[in-house]
Amino acid sequence: MDLISALKELEKTSVGTGFACSVDTALKAMNKDEQEAFQSALNNKAVASTALWDLLNSNGYKVGKETIYKHRRKGCRCFK
């Protein structure tokens, strides 16, 4: 099978994106006001990802540092 045929076949068998990333999981666990404030902070590039990570983890949300970077760049599985 050539590469193009194999890639087309692979697309047919894809099972989706899997589980949401830990940022999305944290967002879903928050109340509406917290979600809005967190989403605003995520969208504000002046807020450091490491500061968000530290704040979330100190408040009981288990989120990976790299996951915050990926989610902000829309490079995590939430956006694929």
C-alpha atoms as a PDB file:
ATOM      1  CA  MET A   1       0.000   0.000   0.000  1.00  0.00           C
ATOM      2  CA  ASP A   2       1.394   3.418  -0.899  1.00  0.00           C
ATOM      3  CA  LEU A   3       1.624   6.286   1.581  1.00  0.00           C
ATOM      4  CA  ILE A   4      -1.411   8.206   0.317  1.00  0.00           C
ATOM      5  CA  SER A   5      -3.653   5.131   0.436  1.00  0.00           C
ATOM      6  CA  ALA A   6      -2.373   4.256   3.901  1.00  0.00           C
ATOM      7  CA  LEU A   7      -3.045   7.776   5.187  1.00  0.00           C
ATOM      8  CA  LYS A   8      -6.569   7.763   3.766  1.00  0.00           C
ATOM      9  CA  GLU A   9      -7.193   4.395   5.397  1.00  0.00           C
ATOM     10  CA  LEU A  10      -5.840   5.698   8.699  1.00  0.00           C
ATOM     11  CA  GLU A  11      -8.298   8.616   8.621  1.00  0.00           C
ATOM     12  CA  LYS A  12     -11.191   6.169   8.276  1.00  0.00           C
ATOM     13  CA  THR A  13     -10.117   4.252  11.377  1.00  0.00           C
ATOM     14  CA  SER A  14      -9.408   7.228  13.657  1.00  0.00           C
ATOM     15  CA  VAL A  15     -11.192   6.917  16.994  1.00  0.00           C
ATOM     16  CA  GLY A  16     -11.293  10.607  17.862  1.00  0.00           C
ATOM     17  CA  THR A  17      -9.401  12.737  20.302  1.00  0.00           C
ATOM     18  CA  GLY A  18      -9.712  10.653  23.440  1.00  0.00           C
ATOM     19  CA  PHE A  19     -10.026  12.253  26.833  1.00  0.00           C
ATOM     20  CA  ALA A  20      -9.972  16.008  27.343  1.00  0.00           C
ATOM     21  CA  CYS A  21      -6.747  17.550  28.605  1.00  0.00           C
ATOM     22  CA  SER A  22      -6.316  18.394  32.274  1.00  0.00           C
ATOM     23  CA  VAL A  23      -7.030  22.105  31.613  1.00  0.00           C
ATOM     24  CA  ASP A  24     -10.433  21.245  30.156  1.00  0.00           C
ATOM     25  CA  THR A  25     -11.064  18.823  33.012  1.00  0.00           C
ATOM     26  CA  ALA A  26     -10.265  21.586  35.516  1.00  0.00           C
ATOM     27  CA  LEU A  27     -12.525  24.039  33.685  1.00  0.00           C
ATOM     28  CA  LYS A  28     -15.429  21.582  33.848  1.00  0.00           C
ATOM     29  CA  ALA A  29     -14.899  21.097  37.587  1.00  0.00           C
ATOM     30  CA  MET A  30     -15.104  24.833  38.294  1.00  0.00           C
ATOM     31  CA  ASN A  31     -18.239  26.838  38.948  1.00  0.00           C
ATOM     32  CA  LYS A  32     -19.345  29.354  36.300  1.00  0.00           C
ATOM     33  CA  ASP A  33     -17.609  32.372  37.869  1.00  0.00           C
ATOM     34  CA  GLU A  34     -14.343  30.450  38.272  1.00  0.00           C
ATOM     35  CA  GLN A  35     -14.581  29.204  34.670  1.00  0.00           C
ATOM     36  CA  GLU A  36     -15.005  32.740  33.357  1.00  0.00           C
ATOM     37  CA  ALA A  37     -12.114  34.092  35.428  1.00  0.00           C
ATOM     38  CA  PHE A  38      -9.834  31.195  34.461  1.00  0.00           C
ATOM     39  CA  GLN A  39     -10.752  31.447  30.771  1.00  0.00           C
ATOM     40  CA  SER A  40     -10.025  35.182  30.898  1.00  0.00           C
ATOM     41  CA  ALA A  41      -6.613  34.493  32.471  1.00  0.00           C
ATOM     42  CA  LEU A  42      -5.894  31.806  29.855  1.00  0.00           C
ATOM     43  CA  ASN A  43      -6.690  34.257  27.073  1.00  0.00           C
ATOM     44  CA  ASN A  44      -4.517  36.971  28.608  1.00  0.00           C
ATOM     45  CA  LYS A  45      -0.979  36.402  27.306  1.00  0.00           C
ATOM     46  CA  ALA A  46       0.386  38.708  30.027  1.00  0.00           C
ATOM     47  CA  VAL A  47      -0.507  36.015  32.587  1.00  0.00           C
ATOM     48  CA  ALA A  48       2.302  33.466  32.763  1.00  0.00           C
ATOM     49  CA  SER A  49       1.396  29.828  32.223  1.00  0.00           C
ATOM     50  CA  THR A  50       3.564  28.871  35.179  1.00  0.00           C
ATOM     51  CA  ALA A  51       1.594  31.276  37.393  1.00  0.00           C
ATOM     52  CA  LEU A  52      -1.662  29.658  36.231  1.00  0.00           C
ATOM     53  CA  TRP A  53      -0.206  26.214  36.855  1.00  0.00           C
ATOM     54  CA  ASP A  54       0.919  27.141  40.363  1.00  0.00           C
ATOM     55  CA  LEU A  55      -2.420  28.736  41.244  1.00  0.00           C
ATOM     56  CA  LEU A  56      -4.473  25.811  39.927  1.00  0.00           C
ATOM     57  CA  ASN A  57      -2.361  23.181  41.647  1.00  0.00           C
ATOM     58  CA  SER A  58      -2.389  25.069  44.950  1.00  0.00           C
ATOM     59  CA  ASN A  59      -6.201  25.076  44.717  1.00  0.00           C
ATOM     60  CA  GLY A  60      -6.461  21.327  44.170  1.00  0.00           C
ATOM     61  CA  TYR A  61      -6.589  21.144  40.361  1.00  0.00           C
ATOM     62  CA  LYS A  62      -4.049  18.706  38.967  1.00  0.00           C
ATOM     63  CA  VAL A  63      -2.943  20.325  35.721  1.00  0.00           C
ATOM     64  CA  GLY A  64       0.352  19.793  33.937  1.00  0.00           C
ATOM     65  CA  LYS A  65       2.558  22.811  33.153  1.00  0.00           C
ATOM     66  CA  GLU A  66       3.037  21.742  29.560  1.00  0.00           C
ATOM     67  CA  THR A  67      -0.694  21.121  29.211  1.00  0.00           C
ATOM     68  CA  ILE A  68      -1.418  24.776  29.955  1.00  0.00           C
ATOM     69  CA  TYR A  69       1.048  25.805  27.235  1.00  0.00           C
ATOM     70  CA  LYS A  70      -0.513  23.368  24.759  1.00  0.00           C
ATOM     71  CA  HIS A  71      -4.087  24.336  25.618  1.00  0.00           C
ATOM     72  CA  ARG A  72      -3.293  28.033  25.170  1.00  0.00           C
ATOM     73  CA  ARG A  73      -1.801  27.315  21.734  1.00  0.00           C
ATOM     74  CA  LYS A  74      -4.755  25.049  20.923  1.00  0.00           C
ATOM     75  CA  GLY A  75      -2.271  22.224  20.506  1.00  0.00           C
ATOM     76  CA  CYS A  76      -3.813  19.805  23.001  1.00  0.00           C
ATOM     77  CA  ARG A  77      -6.306  17.074  22.236  1.00  0.00           C
ATOM     78  CA  CYS A  78      -9.251  19.397  23.037  1.00  0.00           C
ATOM     79  CA  PHE A  79      -8.726  21.098  19.690  1.00  0.00           C
ATOM     80  CA  LYS A  80      -7.798  18.164  17.432  1.00  0.00           C
END
